[in-house]
Amino acid sequence: MPPSEALQQSIARDGLCQPLIVRPDGASSASHATDGWQRYQVATDLDWGSLPVVVHESVLGALSATESAIILREWSTYDWARYCQSLASELRLDGASQRIIITSVAERTVKSQQTVQRYLDALVLPSVVLHRMYAQDHSVSNAWCR
């Protein structure tokens, strides 16, 4: 999803209050953001030459740091769903079953297994539906996936 207008205005006005959390891609020289992708997009649109980042060498280290960052701010339901999806994708690399993945994500995020399942189910919907859910989540309430 593209960054919200509110986020764009906030970063243009105040800069970044939190560094991005990244991890290296073991197969290339690229890095992956586990926290801060939308902030990165806004900063790129503003032609910033550099950004504050915290680099973690392992996937689980980066995801753990992302979980800690969550405690410091309020996430929308959509943000939580995307985070659970990211964590599930990383765990899927180990060949774990869907049930084990959902249980592991639930344990790491203090979300119920049912909520994690709903998040993962919702995020496979067509992008036009996701865009509407995201817009609703950021303008009305977090009711789309409790």
N, C-alpha and C. Protein backbone atom coordinates (compact mmCIF):
# COMPACT_ATOMS: atom_id res chain seq x y z
N MET A 1 0.83 -1.17 0.00
CA MET A 1 0.00 0.00 0.00
C MET A 1 0.88 1.25 0.00
N PRO A 2 0.44 2.26 -0.66
CA PRO A 2 1.20 3.51 -0.65
C PRO A 2 1.06 4.21 0.71
N PRO A 3 2.04 5.03 1.06
CA PRO A 3 1.95 5.76 2.33
C PRO A 3 0.75 6.71 2.34
N SER A 4 0.18 6.90 3.49
CA SER A 4 -0.97 7.80 3.62
C SER A 4 -0.53 9.25 3.45
N GLU A 5 -1.47 10.07 3.11
CA GLU A 5 -1.19 11.52 2.97
C GLU A 5 -0.71 12.09 4.31
N ALA A 6 -1.31 11.61 5.40
CA ALA A 6 -0.91 12.09 6.73
C ALA A 6 0.55 11.76 7.02
N LEU A 7 0.98 10.55 6.66
CA LEU A 7 2.38 10.16 6.87
C LEU A 7 3.29 11.02 6.00
N GLN A 8 2.91 11.22 4.76
CA GLN A 8 3.72 12.04 3.86
C GLN A 8 3.90 13.45 4.42
N GLN A 9 2.82 14.05 4.87
CA GLN A 9 2.88 15.40 5.42
C GLN A 9 3.71 15.45 6.70
N SER A 10 3.53 14.45 7.54
CA SER A 10 4.27 14.40 8.80
C SER A 10 5.77 14.32 8.56
N ILE A 11 6.20 13.44 7.67
CA ILE A 11 7.63 13.29 7.40
C ILE A 11 8.19 14.53 6.72
N ALA A 12 7.44 15.11 5.79
CA ALA A 12 7.91 16.33 5.13
C ALA A 12 8.06 17.46 6.14
N ARG A 13 7.18 17.51 7.12
CA ARG A 13 7.19 18.58 8.12
C ARG A 13 8.19 18.32 9.25
N ASP A 14 8.20 17.07 9.77
CA ASP A 14 8.94 16.78 11.00
C ASP A 14 10.14 15.86 10.81
N GLY A 15 10.30 15.27 9.63
CA GLY A 15 11.37 14.29 9.43
C GLY A 15 10.98 12.95 10.02
N LEU A 16 11.95 12.06 10.16
CA LEU A 16 11.69 10.74 10.72
C LEU A 16 11.98 10.73 12.21
N CYS A 17 11.05 10.20 12.96
CA CYS A 17 11.23 10.10 14.41
C CYS A 17 11.83 8.76 14.81
N GLN A 18 11.71 7.77 13.93
CA GLN A 18 12.20 6.43 14.23
C GLN A 18 13.02 5.91 13.05
N PRO A 19 14.13 5.25 13.34
CA PRO A 19 14.92 4.67 12.24
C PRO A 19 14.20 3.47 11.63
N LEU A 20 14.55 3.15 10.41
CA LEU A 20 14.06 1.95 9.77
C LEU A 20 14.80 0.76 10.37
N ILE A 21 14.15 -0.37 10.45
CA ILE A 21 14.79 -1.60 10.91
C ILE A 21 14.98 -2.47 9.68
N VAL A 22 16.22 -2.83 9.41
CA VAL A 22 16.53 -3.59 8.20
C VAL A 22 17.39 -4.80 8.53
N ARG A 23 17.39 -5.72 7.58
CA ARG A 23 18.25 -6.90 7.67
C ARG A 23 18.83 -7.13 6.28
N PRO A 24 20.04 -7.66 6.22
CA PRO A 24 20.63 -7.94 4.90
C PRO A 24 19.97 -9.15 4.26
N ASP A 25 19.95 -9.14 2.93
CA ASP A 25 19.50 -10.30 2.16
C ASP A 25 20.72 -11.19 2.00
N GLY A 26 20.66 -12.39 2.52
CA GLY A 26 21.82 -13.28 2.47
C GLY A 26 22.28 -13.63 1.07
N ALA A 27 21.41 -13.50 0.08
CA ALA A 27 21.75 -13.90 -1.28
C ALA A 27 22.26 -12.76 -2.15
N SER A 28 22.14 -11.52 -1.68
CA SER A 28 22.58 -10.38 -2.48
C SER A 28 23.05 -9.26 -1.56
N SER A 29 23.40 -8.14 -2.15
CA SER A 29 23.84 -7.00 -1.34
C SER A 29 22.67 -6.13 -0.90
N ALA A 30 21.46 -6.53 -1.21
CA ALA A 30 20.26 -5.76 -0.84
C ALA A 30 19.95 -5.92 0.64
N SER A 31 19.15 -5.00 1.16
CA SER A 31 18.63 -5.09 2.52
C SER A 31 17.11 -5.08 2.45
N HIS A 32 16.48 -5.68 3.45
CA HIS A 32 15.03 -5.71 3.52
C HIS A 32 14.58 -4.97 4.78
N ALA A 33 13.60 -4.11 4.64
CA ALA A 33 13.04 -3.39 5.79
C ALA A 33 11.98 -4.26 6.45
N THR A 34 12.13 -4.48 7.75
CA THR A 34 11.08 -5.17 8.49
C THR A 34 10.20 -4.16 9.20
N ASP A 35 10.67 -2.92 9.29
CA ASP A 35 9.87 -1.84 9.86
C ASP A 35 10.30 -0.55 9.17
N GLY A 36 9.35 0.15 8.56
CA GLY A 36 9.66 1.44 7.99
C GLY A 36 9.56 1.55 6.49
N TRP A 37 8.96 0.56 5.83
CA TRP A 37 8.89 0.58 4.37
C TRP A 37 8.17 1.83 3.86
N GLN A 38 7.06 2.20 4.46
CA GLN A 38 6.33 3.38 4.00
C GLN A 38 7.12 4.65 4.29
N ARG A 39 7.82 4.69 5.41
CA ARG A 39 8.67 5.85 5.69
C ARG A 39 9.78 5.95 4.64
N TYR A 40 10.32 4.80 4.24
CA TYR A 40 11.34 4.77 3.19
C TYR A 40 10.78 5.33 1.88
N GLN A 41 9.56 4.90 1.52
CA GLN A 41 8.94 5.38 0.29
C GLN A 41 8.77 6.90 0.31
N VAL A 42 8.31 7.44 1.43
CA VAL A 42 8.12 8.89 1.53
C VAL A 42 9.46 9.61 1.44
N ALA A 43 10.45 9.13 2.16
CA ALA A 43 11.77 9.77 2.13
C ALA A 43 12.37 9.73 0.72
N THR A 44 12.16 8.63 0.01
CA THR A 44 12.63 8.53 -1.38
C THR A 44 11.91 9.55 -2.25
N ASP A 45 10.61 9.68 -2.08
CA ASP A 45 9.84 10.68 -2.84
C ASP A 45 10.31 12.10 -2.54
N LEU A 46 10.82 12.32 -1.32
CA LEU A 46 11.33 13.64 -0.93
C LEU A 46 12.79 13.83 -1.34
N ASP A 47 13.35 12.83 -2.03
CA ASP A 47 14.74 12.87 -2.51
C ASP A 47 15.77 12.95 -1.39
N TRP A 48 15.49 12.28 -0.28
CA TRP A 48 16.47 12.25 0.79
C TRP A 48 17.63 11.36 0.37
N GLY A 49 18.83 11.76 0.67
CA GLY A 49 20.02 10.99 0.30
C GLY A 49 20.35 9.88 1.27
N SER A 50 19.92 10.01 2.51
CA SER A 50 20.20 8.97 3.51
C SER A 50 19.08 8.94 4.53
N LEU A 51 18.98 7.82 5.21
CA LEU A 51 17.96 7.60 6.23
C LEU A 51 18.58 6.95 7.45
N PRO A 52 18.02 7.20 8.62
CA PRO A 52 18.50 6.47 9.80
C PRO A 52 18.00 5.03 9.76
N VAL A 53 18.90 4.08 9.95
CA VAL A 53 18.52 2.67 9.98
C VAL A 53 19.23 1.96 11.12
N VAL A 54 18.62 0.90 11.56
CA VAL A 54 19.24 -0.02 12.50
C VAL A 54 19.30 -1.35 11.76
N VAL A 55 20.51 -1.89 11.59
CA VAL A 55 20.70 -3.11 10.83
C VAL A 55 20.82 -4.30 11.79
N HIS A 56 20.05 -5.33 11.52
CA HIS A 56 20.12 -6.58 12.28
C HIS A 56 20.58 -7.66 11.32
N GLU A 57 21.49 -8.48 11.76
CA GLU A 57 22.09 -9.48 10.88
C GLU A 57 21.20 -10.68 10.62
N SER A 58 20.23 -10.95 11.49
CA SER A 58 19.36 -12.10 11.28
C SER A 58 17.92 -11.65 11.08
N VAL A 59 17.17 -12.50 10.41
CA VAL A 59 15.75 -12.22 10.18
C VAL A 59 15.02 -12.11 11.51
N LEU A 60 15.23 -13.08 12.38
CA LEU A 60 14.51 -13.06 13.65
C LEU A 60 14.95 -11.89 14.53
N GLY A 61 16.22 -11.50 14.44
CA GLY A 61 16.67 -10.32 15.18
C GLY A 61 15.96 -9.07 14.71
N ALA A 62 15.83 -8.92 13.39
CA ALA A 62 15.13 -7.76 12.83
C ALA A 62 13.65 -7.77 13.19
N LEU A 63 13.04 -8.95 13.12
CA LEU A 63 11.62 -9.04 13.46
C LEU A 63 11.39 -8.81 14.95
N SER A 64 12.30 -9.26 15.78
CA SER A 64 12.20 -9.01 17.22
C SER A 64 12.31 -7.52 17.52
N ALA A 65 13.23 -6.84 16.84
CA ALA A 65 13.37 -5.40 17.01
C ALA A 65 12.12 -4.68 16.53
N THR A 66 11.52 -5.20 15.46
CA THR A 66 10.29 -4.61 14.95
C THR A 66 9.17 -4.76 15.98
N GLU A 67 9.09 -5.92 16.60
CA GLU A 67 8.09 -6.13 17.65
C GLU A 67 8.28 -5.13 18.79
N SER A 68 9.53 -4.90 19.17
CA SER A 68 9.80 -3.93 20.24
C SER A 68 9.38 -2.54 19.81
N ALA A 69 9.60 -2.19 18.54
CA ALA A 69 9.21 -0.88 18.04
C ALA A 69 7.69 -0.71 18.07
N ILE A 70 6.97 -1.81 17.89
CA ILE A 70 5.51 -1.77 17.90
C ILE A 70 5.00 -1.29 19.25
N ILE A 71 5.66 -1.70 20.31
CA ILE A 71 5.24 -1.33 21.65
C ILE A 71 5.24 0.18 21.82
N LEU A 72 6.14 0.84 21.09
CA LEU A 72 6.30 2.28 21.24
C LEU A 72 5.30 3.10 20.43
N ARG A 73 4.54 2.47 19.56
CA ARG A 73 3.59 3.23 18.76
C ARG A 73 2.35 2.39 18.49
N GLU A 74 1.32 3.05 18.09
CA GLU A 74 0.05 2.41 17.77
C GLU A 74 0.05 1.96 16.32
N TRP A 75 -0.23 0.70 16.05
CA TRP A 75 -0.33 0.19 14.69
C TRP A 75 -1.79 -0.02 14.33
N SER A 76 -2.11 0.20 13.07
CA SER A 76 -3.45 -0.09 12.59
C SER A 76 -3.59 -1.61 12.44
N THR A 77 -4.79 -2.06 12.26
CA THR A 77 -5.03 -3.47 12.02
C THR A 77 -4.31 -3.92 10.76
N TYR A 78 -4.33 -3.09 9.73
CA TYR A 78 -3.65 -3.43 8.48
C TYR A 78 -2.14 -3.58 8.72
N ASP A 79 -1.55 -2.68 9.50
CA ASP A 79 -0.13 -2.77 9.81
C ASP A 79 0.19 -4.09 10.52
N TRP A 80 -0.66 -4.45 11.49
CA TRP A 80 -0.47 -5.72 12.19
C TRP A 80 -0.57 -6.90 11.23
N ALA A 81 -1.55 -6.84 10.34
CA ALA A 81 -1.73 -7.93 9.38
C ALA A 81 -0.50 -8.07 8.49
N ARG A 82 0.03 -6.96 7.99
CA ARG A 82 1.22 -7.01 7.14
C ARG A 82 2.43 -7.54 7.92
N TYR A 83 2.54 -7.14 9.19
CA TYR A 83 3.64 -7.63 10.01
C TYR A 83 3.53 -9.14 10.21
N CYS A 84 2.34 -9.63 10.52
CA CYS A 84 2.13 -11.07 10.69
C CYS A 84 2.42 -11.80 9.39
N GLN A 85 2.04 -11.22 8.26
CA GLN A 85 2.33 -11.82 6.96
C GLN A 85 3.84 -11.91 6.73
N SER A 86 4.55 -10.85 7.08
CA SER A 86 6.00 -10.84 6.91
C SER A 86 6.66 -11.91 7.78
N LEU A 87 6.25 -11.99 9.02
CA LEU A 87 6.79 -13.00 9.92
C LEU A 87 6.46 -14.40 9.43
N ALA A 88 5.23 -14.62 8.97
CA ALA A 88 4.84 -15.93 8.45
C ALA A 88 5.68 -16.29 7.22
N SER A 89 5.96 -15.34 6.37
CA SER A 89 6.77 -15.60 5.18
C SER A 89 8.17 -16.05 5.55
N GLU A 90 8.74 -15.42 6.56
CA GLU A 90 10.08 -15.80 7.01
C GLU A 90 10.07 -17.20 7.61
N LEU A 91 9.05 -17.52 8.36
CA LEU A 91 8.97 -18.85 8.97
C LEU A 91 8.68 -19.93 7.94
N ARG A 92 8.01 -19.56 6.85
CA ARG A 92 7.69 -20.51 5.79
C ARG A 92 8.96 -21.04 5.11
N LEU A 93 10.02 -20.26 5.15
CA LEU A 93 11.28 -20.68 4.54
C LEU A 93 11.83 -21.94 5.20
N ASP A 94 11.48 -22.16 6.45
CA ASP A 94 11.95 -23.34 7.16
C ASP A 94 11.11 -24.57 6.86
N GLY A 95 10.10 -24.44 6.00
CA GLY A 95 9.27 -25.57 5.63
C GLY A 95 8.24 -25.97 6.66
N ALA A 96 7.93 -25.09 7.59
CA ALA A 96 6.95 -25.40 8.62
C ALA A 96 5.54 -25.45 8.02
N SER A 97 4.68 -26.22 8.66
CA SER A 97 3.29 -26.31 8.21
C SER A 97 2.57 -25.00 8.52
N GLN A 98 1.45 -24.76 7.86
CA GLN A 98 0.66 -23.54 8.09
C GLN A 98 0.23 -23.45 9.55
N ARG A 99 -0.15 -24.55 10.14
CA ARG A 99 -0.60 -24.55 11.54
C ARG A 99 0.55 -24.12 12.47
N ILE A 100 1.74 -24.67 12.23
CA ILE A 100 2.90 -24.31 13.06
C ILE A 100 3.26 -22.85 12.85
N ILE A 101 3.18 -22.38 11.61
CA ILE A 101 3.49 -20.98 11.32
C ILE A 101 2.52 -20.05 12.06
N ILE A 102 1.25 -20.34 12.00
CA ILE A 102 0.25 -19.51 12.67
C ILE A 102 0.48 -19.51 14.18
N THR A 103 0.77 -20.67 14.74
CA THR A 103 1.06 -20.77 16.17
C THR A 103 2.30 -19.94 16.54
N SER A 104 3.35 -20.04 15.73
CA SER A 104 4.59 -19.29 15.99
C SER A 104 4.36 -17.79 15.89
N VAL A 105 3.63 -17.36 14.86
CA VAL A 105 3.35 -15.93 14.70
C VAL A 105 2.52 -15.43 15.88
N ALA A 106 1.52 -16.20 16.28
CA ALA A 106 0.68 -15.81 17.41
C ALA A 106 1.51 -15.65 18.68
N GLU A 107 2.42 -16.58 18.92
CA GLU A 107 3.27 -16.51 20.11
C GLU A 107 4.20 -15.30 20.08
N ARG A 108 4.70 -14.96 18.91
CA ARG A 108 5.65 -13.85 18.80
C ARG A 108 4.98 -12.49 18.79
N THR A 109 3.70 -12.44 18.48
CA THR A 109 3.02 -11.15 18.38
C THR A 109 1.98 -10.92 19.46
N VAL A 110 1.77 -11.86 20.31
CA VAL A 110 0.72 -11.84 21.33
C VAL A 110 -0.66 -11.59 20.73
N LYS A 111 -0.84 -12.02 19.49
CA LYS A 111 -2.15 -12.05 18.85
C LYS A 111 -2.65 -13.48 18.93
N SER A 112 -3.96 -13.65 18.93
CA SER A 112 -4.50 -15.01 18.98
C SER A 112 -4.26 -15.71 17.65
N GLN A 113 -4.27 -17.03 17.68
CA GLN A 113 -4.11 -17.80 16.45
C GLN A 113 -5.24 -17.47 15.47
N GLN A 114 -6.43 -17.27 15.98
CA GLN A 114 -7.57 -16.93 15.13
C GLN A 114 -7.34 -15.58 14.44
N THR A 115 -6.81 -14.61 15.18
CA THR A 115 -6.54 -13.30 14.58
C THR A 115 -5.46 -13.39 13.52
N VAL A 116 -4.39 -14.13 13.81
CA VAL A 116 -3.32 -14.30 12.83
C VAL A 116 -3.87 -14.95 11.57
N GLN A 117 -4.71 -15.97 11.73
CA GLN A 117 -5.31 -16.64 10.57
C GLN A 117 -6.15 -15.66 9.77
N ARG A 118 -6.93 -14.83 10.44
CA ARG A 118 -7.75 -13.83 9.74
C ARG A 118 -6.87 -12.84 8.98
N TYR A 119 -5.81 -12.40 9.61
CA TYR A 119 -4.89 -11.47 8.94
C TYR A 119 -4.34 -12.10 7.66
N LEU A 120 -3.84 -13.31 7.77
CA LEU A 120 -3.24 -13.97 6.61
C LEU A 120 -4.28 -14.24 5.53
N ASP A 121 -5.49 -14.60 5.93
CA ASP A 121 -6.56 -14.83 4.95
C ASP A 121 -6.93 -13.53 4.25
N ALA A 122 -7.03 -12.44 5.01
CA ALA A 122 -7.43 -11.16 4.43
C ALA A 122 -6.40 -10.65 3.43
N LEU A 123 -5.13 -10.88 3.69
CA LEU A 123 -4.08 -10.32 2.84
C LEU A 123 -3.91 -11.07 1.51
N VAL A 124 -4.63 -12.15 1.31
CA VAL A 124 -4.57 -12.81 0.00
C VAL A 124 -5.73 -12.37 -0.89
N LEU A 125 -6.54 -11.46 -0.40
CA LEU A 125 -7.64 -10.92 -1.22
C LEU A 125 -7.07 -10.06 -2.34
N PRO A 126 -7.84 -9.84 -3.40
CA PRO A 126 -7.36 -8.99 -4.50
C PRO A 126 -6.99 -7.60 -4.00
N SER A 127 -6.02 -6.98 -4.67
CA SER A 127 -5.49 -5.69 -4.22
C SER A 127 -6.55 -4.61 -4.15
N VAL A 128 -7.57 -4.64 -5.00
CA VAL A 128 -8.61 -3.61 -4.94
C VAL A 128 -9.37 -3.69 -3.62
N VAL A 129 -9.59 -4.90 -3.12
CA VAL A 129 -10.26 -5.08 -1.83
C VAL A 129 -9.34 -4.64 -0.70
N LEU A 130 -8.07 -5.02 -0.78
CA LEU A 130 -7.11 -4.62 0.26
C LEU A 130 -7.01 -3.11 0.35
N HIS A 131 -6.99 -2.45 -0.80
CA HIS A 131 -6.89 -0.98 -0.80
C HIS A 131 -8.08 -0.37 -0.07
N ARG A 132 -9.26 -0.91 -0.28
CA ARG A 132 -10.46 -0.39 0.40
C ARG A 132 -10.39 -0.66 1.90
N MET A 133 -9.92 -1.85 2.27
CA MET A 133 -9.80 -2.16 3.69
C MET A 133 -8.77 -1.25 4.34
N TYR A 134 -7.65 -1.01 3.66
CA TYR A 134 -6.61 -0.14 4.19
C TYR A 134 -7.15 1.27 4.37
N ALA A 135 -7.87 1.77 3.39
CA ALA A 135 -8.43 3.12 3.47
C ALA A 135 -9.42 3.21 4.63
N GLN A 136 -10.26 2.19 4.77
CA GLN A 136 -11.21 2.16 5.87
C GLN A 136 -10.48 2.12 7.21
N ASP A 137 -9.47 1.30 7.30
CA ASP A 137 -8.72 1.13 8.54
C ASP A 137 -8.10 2.44 9.00
N HIS A 138 -7.68 3.27 8.07
CA HIS A 138 -7.01 4.50 8.43
C HIS A 138 -7.95 5.69 8.55
N SER A 139 -9.24 5.52 8.21
CA SER A 139 -10.13 6.66 8.28
C SER A 139 -11.31 6.46 9.23
N VAL A 140 -11.68 5.22 9.51
CA VAL A 140 -12.86 5.00 10.33
C VAL A 140 -12.51 4.24 11.60
N SER A 141 -12.27 2.96 11.46
CA SER A 141 -11.98 2.13 12.63
C SER A 141 -11.18 0.93 12.21
N ASN A 142 -10.78 0.15 13.16
CA ASN A 142 -10.02 -1.05 12.89
C ASN A 142 -10.93 -2.28 12.85
N ALA A 143 -12.11 -2.15 12.30
CA ALA A 143 -13.09 -3.22 12.37
C ALA A 143 -12.95 -4.29 11.29
N TRP A 144 -12.12 -4.06 10.26
CA TRP A 144 -12.12 -5.02 9.15
C TRP A 144 -11.57 -6.37 9.50
N CYS A 145 -10.78 -6.50 10.54
CA CYS A 145 -10.22 -7.82 10.84
C CYS A 145 -9.83 -7.87 12.31
N ARG A 146 -10.74 -8.22 13.15
CA ARG A 146 -10.42 -8.28 14.59
C ARG A 146 -10.15 -9.70 15.00
